[in-house]
PDB file of N, CA and C in Angstrom:
ATOM      1  N   MET A   1       3.683   7.851   2.272  1.00  0.00           N
ATOM      2  CA  MET A   1       3.394   6.493   2.658  1.00  0.00           C
ATOM      3  C   MET A   1       2.931   5.721   1.428  1.00  0.00           C
ATOM      4  N   VAL A   2       3.383   4.515   1.347  1.00  0.00           N
ATOM      5  CA  VAL A   2       3.038   3.671   0.204  1.00  0.00           C
ATOM      6  C   VAL A   2       2.311   2.434   0.717  1.00  0.00           C
ATOM      7  N   ASP A   3       1.144   2.182   0.164  1.00  0.00           N
ATOM      8  CA  ASP A   3       0.404   0.974   0.511  1.00  0.00           C
ATOM      9  C   ASP A   3       0.651  -0.128  -0.496  1.00  0.00           C
ATOM     10  N   LYS A   4       0.841   0.252  -1.736  1.00  0.00           N
ATOM     11  CA  LYS A   4       0.999  -0.741  -2.790  1.00  0.00           C
ATOM     12  C   LYS A   4       1.731  -0.104  -3.967  1.00  0.00           C
ATOM     13  N   ILE A   5       2.557  -0.890  -4.615  1.00  0.00           N
ATOM     14  CA  ILE A   5       3.218  -0.444  -5.840  1.00  0.00           C
ATOM     15  C   ILE A   5       2.416  -0.990  -7.010  1.00  0.00           C
ATOM     16  N   VAL A   6       2.038  -0.114  -7.911  1.00  0.00           N
ATOM     17  CA  VAL A   6       1.267  -0.512  -9.087  1.00  0.00           C
ATOM     18  C   VAL A   6       2.248  -0.730 -10.232  1.00  0.00           C
ATOM     19  N   ASN A   7       2.225  -1.924 -10.778  1.00  0.00           N
ATOM     20  CA  ASN A   7       3.122  -2.237 -11.894  1.00  0.00           C
ATOM     21  C   ASN A   7       2.771  -1.403 -13.119  1.00  0.00           C
ATOM     22  N   GLU A   8       3.796  -1.113 -13.911  1.00  0.00           N
ATOM     23  CA  GLU A   8       3.605  -0.381 -15.157  1.00  0.00           C
ATOM     24  C   GLU A   8       3.461  -1.365 -16.312  1.00  0.00           C
ATOM     25  N   PRO A   9       2.856  -0.916 -17.400  1.00  0.00           N
ATOM     26  CA  PRO A   9       2.821  -1.763 -18.596  1.00  0.00           C
ATOM     27  C   PRO A   9       4.241  -1.980 -19.119  1.00  0.00           C
ATOM     28  N   VAL A  10       4.416  -3.017 -19.920  1.00  0.00           N
ATOM     29  CA  VAL A  10       5.724  -3.284 -20.519  1.00  0.00           C
ATOM     30  C   VAL A  10       6.161  -2.054 -21.309  1.00  0.00           C
ATOM     31  N   GLY A  11       7.381  -1.607 -21.076  1.00  0.00           N
ATOM     32  CA  GLY A  11       7.899  -0.440 -21.773  1.00  0.00           C
ATOM     33  C   GLY A  11       7.697   0.857 -21.007  1.00  0.00           C
ATOM     34  N   GLY A  12       6.921   0.818 -19.945  1.00  0.00           N
ATOM     35  CA  GLY A  12       6.712   2.004 -19.121  1.00  0.00           C
ATOM     36  C   GLY A  12       5.352   2.642 -19.329  1.00  0.00           C
ATOM     37  N   ALA A  13       4.933   3.388 -18.331  1.00  0.00           N
ATOM     38  CA  ALA A  13       3.620   4.039 -18.358  1.00  0.00           C
ATOM     39  C   ALA A  13       3.516   5.047 -19.500  1.00  0.00           C
ATOM     40  N   HIS A  14       4.619   5.689 -19.829  1.00  0.00           N
ATOM     41  CA  HIS A  14       4.594   6.697 -20.889  1.00  0.00           C
ATOM     42  C   HIS A  14       4.342   6.085 -22.269  1.00  0.00           C
ATOM     43  N   ARG A  15       4.600   4.798 -22.413  1.00  0.00           N
ATOM     44  CA  ARG A  15       4.381   4.132 -23.702  1.00  0.00           C
ATOM     45  C   ARG A  15       2.944   3.645 -23.874  1.00  0.00           C
ATOM     46  N   ASP A  16       2.249   3.441 -22.752  1.00  0.00           N
ATOM     47  CA  ASP A  16       0.873   2.942 -22.826  1.00  0.00           C
ATOM     48  C   ASP A  16       0.037   3.564 -21.702  1.00  0.00           C
ATOM     49  N   PRO A  17      -0.273   4.857 -21.833  1.00  0.00           N
ATOM     50  CA  PRO A  17      -0.994   5.539 -20.755  1.00  0.00           C
ATOM     51  C   PRO A  17      -2.386   4.963 -20.496  1.00  0.00           C
ATOM     52  N   ARG A  18      -3.039   4.449 -21.524  1.00  0.00           N
ATOM     53  CA  ARG A  18      -4.376   3.858 -21.305  1.00  0.00           C
ATOM     54  C   ARG A  18      -4.282   2.616 -20.427  1.00  0.00           C
ATOM     55  N   GLN A  19      -3.300   1.781 -20.703  1.00  0.00           N
ATOM     56  CA  GLN A  19      -3.123   0.576 -19.883  1.00  0.00           C
ATOM     57  C   GLN A  19      -2.739   0.957 -18.459  1.00  0.00           C
ATOM     58  N   MET A  20      -1.888   1.970 -18.323  1.00  0.00           N
ATOM     59  CA  MET A  20      -1.494   2.425 -16.995  1.00  0.00           C
ATOM     60  C   MET A  20      -2.704   2.941 -16.236  1.00  0.00           C
ATOM     61  N   ALA A  21      -3.554   3.681 -16.914  1.00  0.00           N
ATOM     62  CA  ALA A  21      -4.774   4.186 -16.277  1.00  0.00           C
ATOM     63  C   ALA A  21      -5.657   3.032 -15.819  1.00  0.00           C
ATOM     64  N   ALA A  22      -5.730   1.970 -16.619  1.00  0.00           N
ATOM     65  CA  ALA A  22      -6.523   0.796 -16.235  1.00  0.00           C
ATOM     66  C   ALA A  22      -5.922   0.117 -15.003  1.00  0.00           C
ATOM     67  N   PHE A  23      -4.594   0.018 -14.953  1.00  0.00           N
ATOM     68  CA  PHE A  23      -3.932  -0.568 -13.780  1.00  0.00           C
ATOM     69  C   PHE A  23      -4.217   0.262 -12.532  1.00  0.00           C
ATOM     70  N   LEU A  24      -4.104   1.583 -12.671  1.00  0.00           N
ATOM     71  CA  LEU A  24      -4.363   2.468 -11.532  1.00  0.00           C
ATOM     72  C   LEU A  24      -5.814   2.388 -11.076  1.00  0.00           C
ATOM     73  N   LYS A  25      -6.719   2.350 -12.040  1.00  0.00           N
ATOM     74  CA  LYS A  25      -8.144   2.263 -11.708  1.00  0.00           C
ATOM     75  C   LYS A  25      -8.421   1.003 -10.901  1.00  0.00           C
ATOM     76  N   ARG A  26      -7.871  -0.108 -11.355  1.00  0.00           N
ATOM     77  CA  ARG A  26      -8.077  -1.372 -10.644  1.00  0.00           C
ATOM     78  C   ARG A  26      -7.494  -1.303  -9.230  1.00  0.00           C
ATOM     79  N   ALA A  27      -6.283  -0.770  -9.098  1.00  0.00           N
ATOM     80  CA  ALA A  27      -5.636  -0.683  -7.786  1.00  0.00           C
ATOM     81  C   ALA A  27      -6.413   0.230  -6.843  1.00  0.00           C
ATOM     82  N   LEU A  28      -6.884   1.364  -7.357  1.00  0.00           N
ATOM     83  CA  LEU A  28      -7.646   2.294  -6.520  1.00  0.00           C
ATOM     84  C   LEU A  28      -8.995   1.714  -6.118  1.00  0.00           C
ATOM     85  N   ASN A  29      -9.654   1.037  -7.045  1.00  0.00           N
ATOM     86  CA  ASN A  29     -10.928   0.395  -6.707  1.00  0.00           C
ATOM     87  C   ASN A  29     -10.740  -0.694  -5.657  1.00  0.00           C
ATOM     88  N   ASP A  30      -9.685  -1.481  -5.792  1.00  0.00           N
ATOM     89  CA  ASP A  30      -9.397  -2.520  -4.794  1.00  0.00           C
ATOM     90  C   ASP A  30      -9.146  -1.902  -3.425  1.00  0.00           C
ATOM     91  N   ALA A  31      -8.352  -0.839  -3.400  1.00  0.00           N
ATOM     92  CA  ALA A  31      -8.043  -0.177  -2.131  1.00  0.00           C
ATOM     93  C   ALA A  31      -9.304   0.415  -1.507  1.00  0.00           C
ATOM     94  N   PHE A  32     -10.132   1.026  -2.315  1.00  0.00           N
ATOM     95  CA  PHE A  32     -11.355   1.620  -1.787  1.00  0.00           C
ATOM     96  C   PHE A  32     -12.295   0.548  -1.248  1.00  0.00           C
ATOM     97  N   ARG A  33     -12.372  -0.579  -1.942  1.00  0.00           N
ATOM     98  CA  ARG A  33     -13.227  -1.679  -1.471  1.00  0.00           C
ATOM     99  C   ARG A  33     -12.798  -2.160  -0.086  1.00  0.00           C
ATOM    100  N   GLN A  34     -11.502  -2.131   0.171  1.00  0.00           N
ATOM    101  CA  GLN A  34     -10.981  -2.598   1.453  1.00  0.00           C
ATOM    102  C   GLN A  34     -11.326  -1.657   2.603  1.00  0.00           C
ATOM    103  N   VAL A  35     -11.472  -0.379   2.315  1.00  0.00           N
ATOM    104  CA  VAL A  35     -11.699   0.586   3.398  1.00  0.00           C
ATOM    105  C   VAL A  35     -13.018   1.336   3.281  1.00  0.00           C
ATOM    106  N   GLY A  36     -13.750   1.107   2.218  1.00  0.00           N
ATOM    107  CA  GLY A  36     -14.957   1.881   1.943  1.00  0.00           C
ATOM    108  C   GLY A  36     -16.014   1.834   3.024  1.00  0.00           C
ATOM    109  N   ASP A  37     -16.101   0.727   3.755  1.00  0.00           N
ATOM    110  CA  ASP A  37     -17.128   0.595   4.783  1.00  0.00           C
ATOM    111  C   ASP A  37     -16.648   0.997   6.172  1.00  0.00           C
ATOM    112  N   LEU A  38     -15.388   1.379   6.283  1.00  0.00           N
ATOM    113  CA  LEU A  38     -14.852   1.750   7.590  1.00  0.00           C
ATOM    114  C   LEU A  38     -15.188   3.195   7.934  1.00  0.00           C
ATOM    115  N   LYS A  39     -15.306   3.446   9.216  1.00  0.00           N
ATOM    116  CA  LYS A  39     -15.535   4.811   9.691  1.00  0.00           C
ATOM    117  C   LYS A  39     -14.214   5.570   9.641  1.00  0.00           C
ATOM    118  N   VAL A  40     -14.311   6.886   9.500  1.00  0.00           N
ATOM    119  CA  VAL A  40     -13.109   7.723   9.436  1.00  0.00           C
ATOM    120  C   VAL A  40     -12.251   7.502  10.675  1.00  0.00           C
ATOM    121  N   LYS A  41     -12.885   7.402  11.829  1.00  0.00           N
ATOM    122  CA  LYS A  41     -12.138   7.184  13.074  1.00  0.00           C
ATOM    123  C   LYS A  41     -11.296   5.911  12.985  1.00  0.00           C
ATOM    124  N   ASP A  42     -11.873   4.840  12.449  1.00  0.00           N
ATOM    125  CA  ASP A  42     -11.141   3.580  12.315  1.00  0.00           C
ATOM    126  C   ASP A  42      -9.996   3.698  11.310  1.00  0.00           C
ATOM    127  N   LEU A  43     -10.232   4.409  10.224  1.00  0.00           N
ATOM    128  CA  LEU A  43      -9.168   4.627   9.234  1.00  0.00           C
ATOM    129  C   LEU A  43      -7.999   5.392   9.847  1.00  0.00           C
ATOM    130  N   LEU A  44      -8.321   6.427  10.613  1.00  0.00           N
ATOM    131  CA  LEU A  44      -7.268   7.220  11.249  1.00  0.00           C
ATOM    132  C   LEU A  44      -6.498   6.396  12.274  1.00  0.00           C
ATOM    133  N   GLU A  45      -7.197   5.560  13.026  1.00  0.00           N
ATOM    134  CA  GLU A  45      -6.520   4.699  13.999  1.00  0.00           C
ATOM    135  C   GLU A  45      -5.578   3.726  13.302  1.00  0.00           C
ATOM    136  N   ARG A  46      -6.032   3.142  12.192  1.00  0.00           N
ATOM    137  CA  ARG A  46      -5.171   2.235  11.417  1.00  0.00           C
ATOM    138  C   ARG A  46      -3.913   2.950  10.947  1.00  0.00           C
ATOM    139  N   ARG A  47      -4.103   4.140  10.406  1.00  0.00           N
ATOM    140  CA  ARG A  47      -2.964   4.906   9.897  1.00  0.00           C
ATOM    141  C   ARG A  47      -1.993   5.240  11.025  1.00  0.00           C
ATOM    142  N   TYR A  48      -2.538   5.663  12.160  1.00  0.00           N
ATOM    143  CA  TYR A  48      -1.701   6.018  13.300  1.00  0.00           C
ATOM    144  C   TYR A  48      -0.888   4.812  13.767  1.00  0.00           C
ATOM    145  N   GLU A  49      -1.521   3.660  13.889  1.00  0.00           N
ATOM    146  CA  GLU A  49      -0.816   2.451  14.322  1.00  0.00           C
ATOM    147  C   GLU A  49       0.283   2.077  13.333  1.00  0.00           C
ATOM    148  N   ARG A  50       0.000   2.234  12.060  1.00  0.00           N
ATOM    149  CA  ARG A  50       1.006   1.917  11.046  1.00  0.00           C
ATOM    150  C   ARG A  50       2.198   2.866  11.148  1.00  0.00           C
ATOM    151  N   ILE A  51       1.926   4.143  11.296  1.00  0.00           N
ATOM    152  CA  ILE A  51       3.006   5.125  11.381  1.00  0.00           C
ATOM    153  C   ILE A  51       3.819   4.923  12.654  1.00  0.00           C
ATOM    154  N   LYS A  52       3.166   4.576  13.751  1.00  0.00           N
ATOM    155  CA  LYS A  52       3.884   4.325  15.005  1.00  0.00           C
ATOM    156  C   LYS A  52       4.900   3.203  14.851  1.00  0.00           C
ATOM    157  N   GLY A  53       4.622   2.262  13.962  1.00  0.00           N
ATOM    158  CA  GLY A  53       5.521   1.131  13.766  1.00  0.00           C
ATOM    159  C   GLY A  53       6.732   1.440  12.902  1.00  0.00           C
ATOM    160  N   TYR A  54       6.756   2.583  12.244  1.00  0.00           N
ATOM    161  CA  TYR A  54       7.897   2.932  11.395  1.00  0.00           C
ATOM    162  C   TYR A  54       9.139   3.065  12.264  1.00  0.00           C
ATOM    163  N   GLY A  55      10.222   2.498  11.814  1.00  0.00           N
ATOM    164  CA  GLY A  55      11.483   2.610  12.532  1.00  0.00           C
ATOM    165  C   GLY A  55      11.683   1.514  13.561  1.00  0.00           C
ATOM    166  N   ARG A  56      10.675   0.711  13.822  1.00  0.00           N
ATOM    167  CA  ARG A  56      10.832  -0.401  14.758  1.00  0.00           C
ATOM    168  C   ARG A  56      11.444  -1.581  14.017  1.00  0.00           C
ATOM    169  N   PHE A  57      12.176  -2.365  14.744  1.00  0.00           N
ATOM    170  CA  PHE A  57      12.727  -3.569  14.148  1.00  0.00           C
ATOM    171  C   PHE A  57      12.808  -4.646  15.217  1.00  0.00           C
ATOM    172  N   THR A  58      12.969  -5.852  14.776  1.00  0.00           N
ATOM    173  CA  THR A  58      13.126  -6.984  15.676  1.00  0.00           C
ATOM    174  C   THR A  58      14.468  -7.624  15.384  1.00  0.00           C
ATOM    175  N   ASP A  59      15.249  -7.840  16.426  1.00  0.00           N
ATOM    176  CA  ASP A  59      16.537  -8.493  16.262  1.00  0.00           C
ATOM    177  C   ASP A  59      16.292  -9.981  16.044  1.00  0.00           C
ATOM    178  N   THR A  60      16.738 -10.484  14.924  1.00  0.00           N
ATOM    179  CA  THR A  60      16.481 -11.885  14.587  1.00  0.00           C
ATOM    180  C   THR A  60      17.696 -12.774  14.825  1.00  0.00           C
ATOM    181  N   LYS A  61      18.715 -12.246  15.480  1.00  0.00           N
ATOM    182  CA  LYS A  61      19.898 -13.062  15.774  1.00  0.00           C
ATOM    183  C   LYS A  61      19.515 -14.167  16.751  1.00  0.00           C
ATOM    184  N   ALA A  62      20.021 -15.351  16.481  1.00  0.00           N
ATOM    185  CA  ALA A  62      19.759 -16.476  17.380  1.00  0.00           C
ATOM    186  C   ALA A  62      20.580 -16.306  18.652  1.00  0.00           C
ATOM    187  N   ASP A  63      19.980 -16.649  19.772  1.00  0.00           N
ATOM    188  CA  ASP A  63      20.719 -16.609  21.037  1.00  0.00           C
ATOM    189  C   ASP A  63      21.810 -17.670  21.004  1.00  0.00           C
ATOM    190  N   SER A  64      23.023 -17.273  21.312  1.00  0.00           N
ATOM    191  CA  SER A  64      24.123 -18.242  21.334  1.00  0.00           C
ATOM    192  C   SER A  64      24.342 -18.695  22.765  1.00  0.00           C
ATOM    193  N   LYS A  65      24.324 -19.998  22.955  1.00  0.00           N
ATOM    194  CA  LYS A  65      24.509 -20.559  24.309  1.00  0.00           C
ATOM    195  C   LYS A  65      25.630 -21.546  24.319  1.00  0.00           C
TER     196      LYS A  65
END
């Protein structure tokens, strides 16, 4: 499961591992801040609801009359 894609430094992570580590640190800290105060039960419920939605779609075709 992917929550967020972390951009790489110009030229790729292998060219600037320190910058990549800084990007990852920021992304992980942001993610933790969003869920850090939640109870485990609430986190699991969120995850379950998200997974249940996989494979669902909405038909966006306009009704023709």
